[in-house]
Amino acid sequence: MDLAKVMSKGQVTIPINIRKKLNLKEGDKVVFIEKNGYMVIANSTMLALEQVQNAFEGEAERLDLKSEEDVVNLVKEVRKERFEEKKEKKQ
């Protein structure tokens, strides 16, 4: 268990071993989440990435993407469609 002291302006120094576990570097942001009556601190970047991964869960199977090449081809296809849409709007 680690302990930190709250200073007069509400500042807290996060102990080094906690910063390492959260992979926090200077300038990173943290988020405070209430869970079951406790406050949890998390690396905001990692939390956002996790949320994006969860949002896309199952999409590869749904789109029948089995390889990196499939993903690259899908991106090319979507870009081509967008380009054509923009081209049509200009006319």
PDB file of N, CA and C in Angstrom:
ATOM      1  N   MET A   1       0.852  -1.175   0.000  1.00  0.00           N
ATOM      2  CA  MET A   1       0.000   0.000   0.000  1.00  0.00           C
ATOM      3  C   MET A   1       0.889   1.226   0.000  1.00  0.00           C
ATOM      4  N   ASP A   2       0.533   2.196  -0.828  1.00  0.00           N
ATOM      5  CA  ASP A   2       1.280   3.444  -0.909  1.00  0.00           C
ATOM      6  C   ASP A   2       0.440   4.578  -0.346  1.00  0.00           C
ATOM      7  N   LEU A   3       1.123   5.570   0.159  1.00  0.00           N
ATOM      8  CA  LEU A   3       0.466   6.694   0.803  1.00  0.00           C
ATOM      9  C   LEU A   3       0.967   7.984   0.178  1.00  0.00           C
ATOM     10  N   ALA A   4       0.075   8.952  -0.005  1.00  0.00           N
ATOM     11  CA  ALA A   4       0.454  10.266  -0.515  1.00  0.00           C
ATOM     12  C   ALA A   4      -0.264  11.316   0.312  1.00  0.00           C
ATOM     13  N   LYS A   5       0.373  12.436   0.490  1.00  0.00           N
ATOM     14  CA  LYS A   5      -0.181  13.525   1.291  1.00  0.00           C
ATOM     15  C   LYS A   5      -0.818  14.567   0.372  1.00  0.00           C
ATOM     16  N   VAL A   6      -2.017  15.016   0.742  1.00  0.00           N
ATOM     17  CA  VAL A   6      -2.698  16.074  -0.016  1.00  0.00           C
ATOM     18  C   VAL A   6      -2.178  17.412   0.491  1.00  0.00           C
ATOM     19  N   MET A   7      -1.702  18.239  -0.432  1.00  0.00           N
ATOM     20  CA  MET A   7      -1.156  19.540  -0.070  1.00  0.00           C
ATOM     21  C   MET A   7      -2.281  20.567  -0.008  1.00  0.00           C
ATOM     22  N   SER A   8      -1.969  21.789   0.403  1.00  0.00           N
ATOM     23  CA  SER A   8      -2.983  22.815   0.642  1.00  0.00           C
ATOM     24  C   SER A   8      -3.838  23.133  -0.587  1.00  0.00           C
ATOM     25  N   LYS A   9      -3.281  22.999  -1.782  1.00  0.00           N
ATOM     26  CA  LYS A   9      -4.030  23.301  -3.002  1.00  0.00           C
ATOM     27  C   LYS A   9      -4.601  22.033  -3.645  1.00  0.00           C
ATOM     28  N   GLY A  10      -4.633  20.950  -2.897  1.00  0.00           N
ATOM     29  CA  GLY A  10      -5.202  19.705  -3.404  1.00  0.00           C
ATOM     30  C   GLY A  10      -4.241  18.868  -4.224  1.00  0.00           C
ATOM     31  N   GLN A  11      -2.988  19.273  -4.294  1.00  0.00           N
ATOM     32  CA  GLN A  11      -2.012  18.530  -5.086  1.00  0.00           C
ATOM     33  C   GLN A  11      -1.523  17.294  -4.337  1.00  0.00           C
ATOM     34  N   VAL A  12      -1.269  16.240  -5.120  1.00  0.00           N
ATOM     35  CA  VAL A  12      -0.762  14.987  -4.578  1.00  0.00           C
ATOM     36  C   VAL A  12       0.362  14.510  -5.487  1.00  0.00           C
ATOM     37  N   THR A  13       1.447  14.043  -4.903  1.00  0.00           N
ATOM     38  CA  THR A  13       2.505  13.420  -5.684  1.00  0.00           C
ATOM     39  C   THR A  13       2.214  11.934  -5.742  1.00  0.00           C
ATOM     40  N   ILE A  14       2.069  11.413  -6.955  1.00  0.00           N
ATOM     41  CA  ILE A  14       1.789   9.986  -7.121  1.00  0.00           C
ATOM     42  C   ILE A  14       3.103   9.235  -6.912  1.00  0.00           C
ATOM     43  N   PRO A  15       3.127   8.279  -5.998  1.00  0.00           N
ATOM     44  CA  PRO A  15       4.365   7.534  -5.737  1.00  0.00           C
ATOM     45  C   PRO A  15       4.919   6.877  -7.003  1.00  0.00           C
ATOM     46  N   ILE A  16       6.238   6.781  -7.091  1.00  0.00           N
ATOM     47  CA  ILE A  16       6.924   6.292  -8.285  1.00  0.00           C
ATOM     48  C   ILE A  16       6.451   4.904  -8.717  1.00  0.00           C
ATOM     49  N   ASN A  17       6.269   3.984  -7.761  1.00  0.00           N
ATOM     50  CA  ASN A  17       5.858   2.634  -8.165  1.00  0.00           C
ATOM     51  C   ASN A  17       4.439   2.618  -8.747  1.00  0.00           C
ATOM     52  N   ILE A  18       3.575   3.543  -8.304  1.00  0.00           N
ATOM     53  CA  ILE A  18       2.233   3.658  -8.872  1.00  0.00           C
ATOM     54  C   ILE A  18       2.333   4.252 -10.277  1.00  0.00           C
ATOM     55  N   ARG A  19       3.191   5.267 -10.452  1.00  0.00           N
ATOM     56  CA  ARG A  19       3.397   5.860 -11.783  1.00  0.00           C
ATOM     57  C   ARG A  19       3.913   4.811 -12.763  1.00  0.00           C
ATOM     58  N   LYS A  20       4.809   3.964 -12.300  1.00  0.00           N
ATOM     59  CA  LYS A  20       5.333   2.901 -13.172  1.00  0.00           C
ATOM     60  C   LYS A  20       4.226   1.920 -13.547  1.00  0.00           C
ATOM     61  N   LYS A  21       3.417   1.513 -12.575  1.00  0.00           N
ATOM     62  CA  LYS A  21       2.335   0.558 -12.843  1.00  0.00           C
ATOM     63  C   LYS A  21       1.305   1.133 -13.810  1.00  0.00           C
ATOM     64  N   LEU A  22       1.072   2.446 -13.734  1.00  0.00           N
ATOM     65  CA  LEU A  22       0.117   3.102 -14.621  1.00  0.00           C
ATOM     66  C   LEU A  22       0.775   3.589 -15.912  1.00  0.00           C
ATOM     67  N   ASN A  23       2.086   3.366 -16.027  1.00  0.00           N
ATOM     68  CA  ASN A  23       2.858   3.810 -17.189  1.00  0.00           C
ATOM     69  C   ASN A  23       2.685   5.314 -17.410  1.00  0.00           C
ATOM     70  N   LEU A  24       2.790   6.078 -16.346  1.00  0.00           N
ATOM     71  CA  LEU A  24       2.629   7.532 -16.409  1.00  0.00           C
ATOM     72  C   LEU A  24       3.973   8.214 -16.585  1.00  0.00           C
ATOM     73  N   LYS A  25       3.996   9.164 -17.501  1.00  0.00           N
ATOM     74  CA  LYS A  25       5.176   9.984 -17.746  1.00  0.00           C
ATOM     75  C   LYS A  25       4.808  11.436 -17.475  1.00  0.00           C
ATOM     76  N   GLU A  26       5.814  12.287 -17.378  1.00  0.00           N
ATOM     77  CA  GLU A  26       5.570  13.707 -17.147  1.00  0.00           C
ATOM     78  C   GLU A  26       4.640  14.260 -18.218  1.00  0.00           C
ATOM     79  N   GLY A  27       3.619  14.981 -17.804  1.00  0.00           N
ATOM     80  CA  GLY A  27       2.664  15.587 -18.726  1.00  0.00           C
ATOM     81  C   GLY A  27       1.441  14.728 -19.011  1.00  0.00           C
ATOM     82  N   ASP A  28       1.490  13.437 -18.647  1.00  0.00           N
ATOM     83  CA  ASP A  28       0.323  12.571 -18.838  1.00  0.00           C
ATOM     84  C   ASP A  28      -0.816  13.028 -17.941  1.00  0.00           C
ATOM     85  N   LYS A  29      -2.019  12.657 -18.330  1.00  0.00           N
ATOM     86  CA  LYS A  29      -3.198  12.990 -17.533  1.00  0.00           C
ATOM     87  C   LYS A  29      -3.733  11.721 -16.889  1.00  0.00           C
ATOM     88  N   VAL A  30      -4.336  11.892 -15.726  1.00  0.00           N
ATOM     89  CA  VAL A  30      -4.976  10.774 -15.038  1.00  0.00           C
ATOM     90  C   VAL A  30      -6.455  11.067 -14.907  1.00  0.00           C
ATOM     91  N   VAL A  31      -7.213  10.010 -14.757  1.00  0.00           N
ATOM     92  CA  VAL A  31      -8.659  10.140 -14.603  1.00  0.00           C
ATOM     93  C   VAL A  31      -9.034   9.479 -13.284  1.00  0.00           C
ATOM     94  N   PHE A  32     -10.026  10.042 -12.619  1.00  0.00           N
ATOM     95  CA  PHE A  32     -10.517   9.487 -11.358  1.00  0.00           C
ATOM     96  C   PHE A  32     -11.895   8.908 -11.616  1.00  0.00           C
ATOM     97  N   ILE A  33     -12.079   7.644 -11.258  1.00  0.00           N
ATOM     98  CA  ILE A  33     -13.320   6.930 -11.517  1.00  0.00           C
ATOM     99  C   ILE A  33     -13.871   6.414 -10.195  1.00  0.00           C
ATOM    100  N   GLU A  34     -15.156   6.638  -9.961  1.00  0.00           N
ATOM    101  CA  GLU A  34     -15.785   6.110  -8.748  1.00  0.00           C
ATOM    102  C   GLU A  34     -16.295   4.697  -9.032  1.00  0.00           C
ATOM    103  N   LYS A  35     -15.854   3.748  -8.201  1.00  0.00           N
ATOM    104  CA  LYS A  35     -16.269   2.346  -8.340  1.00  0.00           C
ATOM    105  C   LYS A  35     -16.549   1.779  -6.963  1.00  0.00           C
ATOM    106  N   ASN A  36     -17.763   1.340  -6.790  1.00  0.00           N
ATOM    107  CA  ASN A  36     -18.144   0.667  -5.536  1.00  0.00           C
ATOM    108  C   ASN A  36     -17.764   1.471  -4.290  1.00  0.00           C
ATOM    109  N   GLY A  37     -17.976   2.769  -4.340  1.00  0.00           N
ATOM    110  CA  GLY A  37     -17.698   3.612  -3.184  1.00  0.00           C
ATOM    111  C   GLY A  37     -16.244   4.021  -3.033  1.00  0.00           C
ATOM    112  N   TYR A  38     -15.378   3.603  -3.952  1.00  0.00           N
ATOM    113  CA  TYR A  38     -13.956   3.958  -3.918  1.00  0.00           C
ATOM    114  C   TYR A  38     -13.628   4.796  -5.142  1.00  0.00           C
ATOM    115  N   MET A  39     -12.573   5.586  -5.027  1.00  0.00           N
ATOM    116  CA  MET A  39     -12.075   6.331  -6.174  1.00  0.00           C
ATOM    117  C   MET A  39     -10.870   5.587  -6.729  1.00  0.00           C
ATOM    118  N   VAL A  40     -10.877   5.393  -8.041  1.00  0.00           N
ATOM    119  CA  VAL A  40      -9.805   4.689  -8.726  1.00  0.00           C
ATOM    120  C   VAL A  40      -9.097   5.688  -9.624  1.00  0.00           C
ATOM    121  N   ILE A  41      -7.776   5.639  -9.654  1.00  0.00           N
ATOM    122  CA  ILE A  41      -6.999   6.507 -10.534  1.00  0.00           C
ATOM    123  C   ILE A  41      -6.501   5.662 -11.701  1.00  0.00           C
ATOM    124  N   ALA A  42      -6.562   6.222 -12.914  1.00  0.00           N
ATOM    125  CA  ALA A  42      -6.124   5.485 -14.092  1.00  0.00           C
ATOM    126  C   ALA A  42      -5.441   6.430 -15.064  1.00  0.00           C
ATOM    127  N   ASN A  43      -4.601   5.861 -15.907  1.00  0.00           N
ATOM    128  CA  ASN A  43      -3.964   6.599 -16.981  1.00  0.00           C
ATOM    129  C   ASN A  43      -5.049   6.889 -18.019  1.00  0.00           C
ATOM    130  N   SER A  44      -5.351   8.162 -18.263  1.00  0.00           N
ATOM    131  CA  SER A  44      -6.473   8.513 -19.128  1.00  0.00           C
ATOM    132  C   SER A  44      -6.273   8.037 -20.567  1.00  0.00           C
ATOM    133  N   THR A  45      -5.052   8.031 -21.052  1.00  0.00           N
ATOM    134  CA  THR A  45      -4.781   7.565 -22.409  1.00  0.00           C
ATOM    135  C   THR A  45      -5.069   6.080 -22.536  1.00  0.00           C
ATOM    136  N   MET A  46      -4.615   5.315 -21.562  1.00  0.00           N
ATOM    137  CA  MET A  46      -4.829   3.867 -21.598  1.00  0.00           C
ATOM    138  C   MET A  46      -6.314   3.543 -21.461  1.00  0.00           C
ATOM    139  N   LEU A  47      -7.016   4.301 -20.640  1.00  0.00           N
ATOM    140  CA  LEU A  47      -8.455   4.094 -20.470  1.00  0.00           C
ATOM    141  C   LEU A  47      -9.188   4.377 -21.784  1.00  0.00           C
ATOM    142  N   ALA A  48      -8.816   5.464 -22.456  1.00  0.00           N
ATOM    143  CA  ALA A  48      -9.452   5.804 -23.735  1.00  0.00           C
ATOM    144  C   ALA A  48      -9.185   4.715 -24.774  1.00  0.00           C
ATOM    145  N   LEU A  49      -7.963   4.211 -24.825  1.00  0.00           N
ATOM    146  CA  LEU A  49      -7.626   3.147 -25.763  1.00  0.00           C
ATOM    147  C   LEU A  49      -8.437   1.889 -25.476  1.00  0.00           C
ATOM    148  N   GLU A  50      -8.580   1.556 -24.211  1.00  0.00           N
ATOM    149  CA  GLU A  50      -9.381   0.393 -23.820  1.00  0.00           C
ATOM    150  C   GLU A  50     -10.840   0.559 -24.254  1.00  0.00           C
ATOM    151  N   GLN A  51     -11.374   1.764 -24.097  1.00  0.00           N
ATOM    152  CA  GLN A  51     -12.755   2.024 -24.492  1.00  0.00           C
ATOM    153  C   GLN A  51     -12.936   1.893 -26.003  1.00  0.00           C
ATOM    154  N   VAL A  52     -11.957   2.354 -26.766  1.00  0.00           N
ATOM    155  CA  VAL A  52     -12.014   2.227 -28.219  1.00  0.00           C
ATOM    156  C   VAL A  52     -11.954   0.754 -28.618  1.00  0.00           C
ATOM    157  N   GLN A  53     -11.056   0.008 -27.984  1.00  0.00           N
ATOM    158  CA  GLN A  53     -10.946  -1.420 -28.284  1.00  0.00           C
ATOM    159  C   GLN A  53     -12.263  -2.128 -27.985  1.00  0.00           C
ATOM    160  N   ASN A  54     -12.876  -1.805 -26.875  1.00  0.00           N
ATOM    161  CA  ASN A  54     -14.155  -2.426 -26.524  1.00  0.00           C
ATOM    162  C   ASN A  54     -15.249  -2.057 -27.526  1.00  0.00           C
ATOM    163  N   ALA A  55     -15.235  -0.809 -27.987  1.00  0.00           N
ATOM    164  CA  ALA A  55     -16.246  -0.365 -28.943  1.00  0.00           C
ATOM    165  C   ALA A  55     -16.130  -1.108 -30.274  1.00  0.00           C
ATOM    166  N   PHE A  56     -14.910  -1.487 -30.652  1.00  0.00           N
ATOM    167  CA  PHE A  56     -14.682  -2.167 -31.922  1.00  0.00           C
ATOM    168  C   PHE A  56     -14.662  -3.691 -31.795  1.00  0.00           C
ATOM    169  N   GLU A  57     -14.883  -4.183 -30.599  1.00  0.00           N
ATOM    170  CA  GLU A  57     -14.844  -5.629 -30.394  1.00  0.00           C
ATOM    171  C   GLU A  57     -15.866  -6.324 -31.305  1.00  0.00           C
ATOM    172  N   GLY A  58     -15.418  -7.323 -32.018  1.00  0.00           N
ATOM    173  CA  GLY A  58     -16.291  -8.091 -32.897  1.00  0.00           C
ATOM    174  C   GLY A  58     -16.406  -7.535 -34.307  1.00  0.00           C
ATOM    175  N   GLU A  59     -15.917  -6.325 -34.536  1.00  0.00           N
ATOM    176  CA  GLU A  59     -16.044  -5.703 -35.851  1.00  0.00           C
ATOM    177  C   GLU A  59     -15.205  -6.427 -36.906  1.00  0.00           C
ATOM    178  N   ALA A  60     -14.026  -6.916 -36.544  1.00  0.00           N
ATOM    179  CA  ALA A  60     -13.192  -7.624 -37.518  1.00  0.00           C
ATOM    180  C   ALA A  60     -13.914  -8.862 -38.031  1.00  0.00           C
ATOM    181  N   GLU A  61     -14.539  -9.594 -37.122  1.00  0.00           N
ATOM    182  CA  GLU A  61     -15.279 -10.785 -37.539  1.00  0.00           C
ATOM    183  C   GLU A  61     -16.483 -10.396 -38.393  1.00  0.00           C
ATOM    184  N   ARG A  62     -17.177  -9.349 -37.973  1.00  0.00           N
ATOM    185  CA  ARG A  62     -18.361  -8.907 -38.711  1.00  0.00           C
ATOM    186  C   ARG A  62     -18.006  -8.496 -40.137  1.00  0.00           C
ATOM    187  N   LEU A  63     -16.834  -7.860 -40.283  1.00  0.00           N
ATOM    188  CA  LEU A  63     -16.398  -7.394 -41.599  1.00  0.00           C
ATOM    189  C   LEU A  63     -15.532  -8.425 -42.326  1.00  0.00           C
ATOM    190  N   ASP A  64     -15.379  -9.593 -41.725  1.00  0.00           N
ATOM    191  CA  ASP A  64     -14.584 -10.683 -42.291  1.00  0.00           C
ATOM    192  C   ASP A  64     -13.137 -10.262 -42.554  1.00  0.00           C
ATOM    193  N   LEU A  65     -12.549  -9.540 -41.596  1.00  0.00           N
ATOM    194  CA  LEU A  65     -11.159  -9.119 -41.706  1.00  0.00           C
ATOM    195  C   LEU A  65     -10.294 -10.162 -41.008  1.00  0.00           C
ATOM    196  N   LYS A  66      -9.441 -10.833 -41.794  1.00  0.00           N
ATOM    197  CA  LYS A  66      -8.640 -11.923 -41.232  1.00  0.00           C
ATOM    198  C   LYS A  66      -7.155 -11.621 -41.211  1.00  0.00           C
ATOM    199  N   SER A  67      -6.752 -10.564 -41.902  1.00  0.00           N
ATOM    200  CA  SER A  67      -5.326 -10.244 -41.959  1.00  0.00           C
ATOM    201  C   SER A  67      -5.130  -8.735 -42.020  1.00  0.00           C
ATOM    202  N   GLU A  68      -3.882  -8.339 -41.860  1.00  0.00           N
ATOM    203  CA  GLU A  68      -3.551  -6.915 -41.968  1.00  0.00           C
ATOM    204  C   GLU A  68      -3.841  -6.424 -43.388  1.00  0.00           C
ATOM    205  N   GLU A  69      -3.611  -7.276 -44.367  1.00  0.00           N
ATOM    206  CA  GLU A  69      -3.891  -6.922 -45.758  1.00  0.00           C
ATOM    207  C   GLU A  69      -5.383  -6.635 -45.956  1.00  0.00           C
ATOM    208  N   ASP A  70      -6.244  -7.411 -45.298  1.00  0.00           N
ATOM    209  CA  ASP A  70      -7.688  -7.162 -45.377  1.00  0.00           C
ATOM    210  C   ASP A  70      -8.028  -5.778 -44.839  1.00  0.00           C
ATOM    211  N   VAL A  71      -7.388  -5.393 -43.751  1.00  0.00           N
ATOM    212  CA  VAL A  71      -7.631  -4.080 -43.139  1.00  0.00           C
ATOM    213  C   VAL A  71      -7.159  -2.973 -44.081  1.00  0.00           C
ATOM    214  N   VAL A  72      -5.966  -3.143 -44.644  1.00  0.00           N
ATOM    215  CA  VAL A  72      -5.421  -2.142 -45.574  1.00  0.00           C
ATOM    216  C   VAL A  72      -6.352  -1.982 -46.774  1.00  0.00           C
ATOM    217  N   ASN A  73      -6.838  -3.093 -47.305  1.00  0.00           N
ATOM    218  CA  ASN A  73      -7.749  -3.031 -48.452  1.00  0.00           C
ATOM    219  C   ASN A  73      -9.058  -2.336 -48.095  1.00  0.00           C
ATOM    220  N   LEU A  74      -9.564  -2.600 -46.887  1.00  0.00           N
ATOM    221  CA  LEU A  74     -10.787  -1.927 -46.441  1.00  0.00           C
ATOM    222  C   LEU A  74     -10.571  -0.421 -46.341  1.00  0.00           C
ATOM    223  N   VAL A  75      -9.454  -0.007 -45.781  1.00  0.00           N
ATOM    224  CA  VAL A  75      -9.148   1.420 -45.652  1.00  0.00           C
ATOM    225  C   VAL A  75      -9.067   2.064 -47.040  1.00  0.00           C
ATOM    226  N   LYS A  76      -8.407   1.395 -47.967  1.00  0.00           N
ATOM    227  CA  LYS A  76      -8.308   1.927 -49.334  1.00  0.00           C
ATOM    228  C   LYS A  76      -9.688   2.068 -49.966  1.00  0.00           C
ATOM    229  N   GLU A  77     -10.522   1.070 -49.766  1.00  0.00           N
ATOM    230  CA  GLU A  77     -11.875   1.091 -50.323  1.00  0.00           C
ATOM    231  C   GLU A  77     -12.695   2.250 -49.758  1.00  0.00           C
ATOM    232  N   VAL A  78     -12.625   2.435 -48.437  1.00  0.00           N
ATOM    233  CA  VAL A  78     -13.372   3.524 -47.791  1.00  0.00           C
ATOM    234  C   VAL A  78     -12.852   4.874 -48.261  1.00  0.00           C
ATOM    235  N   ARG A  79     -11.541   5.014 -48.379  1.00  0.00           N
ATOM    236  CA  ARG A  79     -10.968   6.278 -48.859  1.00  0.00           C
ATOM    237  C   ARG A  79     -11.429   6.578 -50.282  1.00  0.00           C
ATOM    238  N   LYS A  80     -11.453   5.558 -51.123  1.00  0.00           N
ATOM    239  CA  LYS A  80     -11.897   5.739 -52.504  1.00  0.00           C
ATOM    240  C   LYS A  80     -13.355   6.190 -52.544  1.00  0.00           C
ATOM    241  N   GLU A  81     -14.200   5.546 -51.723  1.00  0.00           N
ATOM    242  CA  GLU A  81     -15.619   5.921 -51.664  1.00  0.00           C
ATOM    243  C   GLU A  81     -15.778   7.367 -51.214  1.00  0.00           C
ATOM    244  N   ARG A  82     -15.039   7.762 -50.182  1.00  0.00           N
ATOM    245  CA  ARG A  82     -15.121   9.143 -49.671  1.00  0.00           C
ATOM    246  C   ARG A  82     -14.665  10.138 -50.731  1.00  0.00           C
ATOM    247  N   PHE A  83     -13.591   9.789 -51.440  1.00  0.00           N
ATOM    248  CA  PHE A  83     -13.077  10.657 -52.492  1.00  0.00           C
ATOM    249  C   PHE A  83     -14.140  10.861 -53.578  1.00  0.00           C
ATOM    250  N   GLU A  84     -14.781   9.762 -53.969  1.00  0.00           N
ATOM    251  CA  GLU A  84     -15.823   9.839 -54.998  1.00  0.00           C
ATOM    252  C   GLU A  84     -17.013  10.669 -54.519  1.00  0.00           C
ATOM    253  N   GLU A  85     -17.389  10.520 -53.248  1.00  0.00           N
ATOM    254  CA  GLU A  85     -18.495  11.306 -52.693  1.00  0.00           C
ATOM    255  C   GLU A  85     -18.179  12.799 -52.722  1.00  0.00           C
ATOM    256  N   LYS A  86     -16.968  13.152 -52.333  1.00  0.00           N
ATOM    257  CA  LYS A  86     -16.560  14.566 -52.336  1.00  0.00           C
ATOM    258  C   LYS A  86     -16.530  15.112 -53.765  1.00  0.00           C
ATOM    259  N   LYS A  87     -16.062  14.281 -54.677  1.00  0.00           N
ATOM    260  CA  LYS A  87     -15.987  14.672 -56.084  1.00  0.00           C
ATOM    261  C   LYS A  87     -17.385  14.964 -56.646  1.00  0.00           C
ATOM    262  N   GLU A  88     -18.355  14.101 -56.307  1.00  0.00           N
ATOM    263  CA  GLU A  88     -19.729  14.270 -56.761  1.00  0.00           C
ATOM    264  C   GLU A  88     -20.367  15.534 -56.185  1.00  0.00           C
ATOM    265  N   LYS A  89     -20.065  15.839 -54.921  1.00  0.00           N
ATOM    266  CA  LYS A  89     -20.636  17.030 -54.281  1.00  0.00           C
ATOM    267  C   LYS A  89     -20.132  18.307 -54.930  1.00  0.00           C
ATOM    268  N   LYS A  90     -18.909  18.306 -55.438  1.00  0.00           N
ATOM    269  CA  LYS A  90     -18.330  19.496 -56.058  1.00  0.00           C
ATOM    270  C   LYS A  90     -18.959  19.780 -57.417  1.00  0.00           C
ATOM    271  N   GLN A  91     -19.524  18.765 -58.044  1.00  0.00           N
ATOM    272  CA  GLN A  91     -20.073  18.936 -59.398  1.00  0.00           C
ATOM    273  C   GLN A  91     -21.449  19.524 -59.384  1.00  0.00           C
TER     274      GLN A  91
END
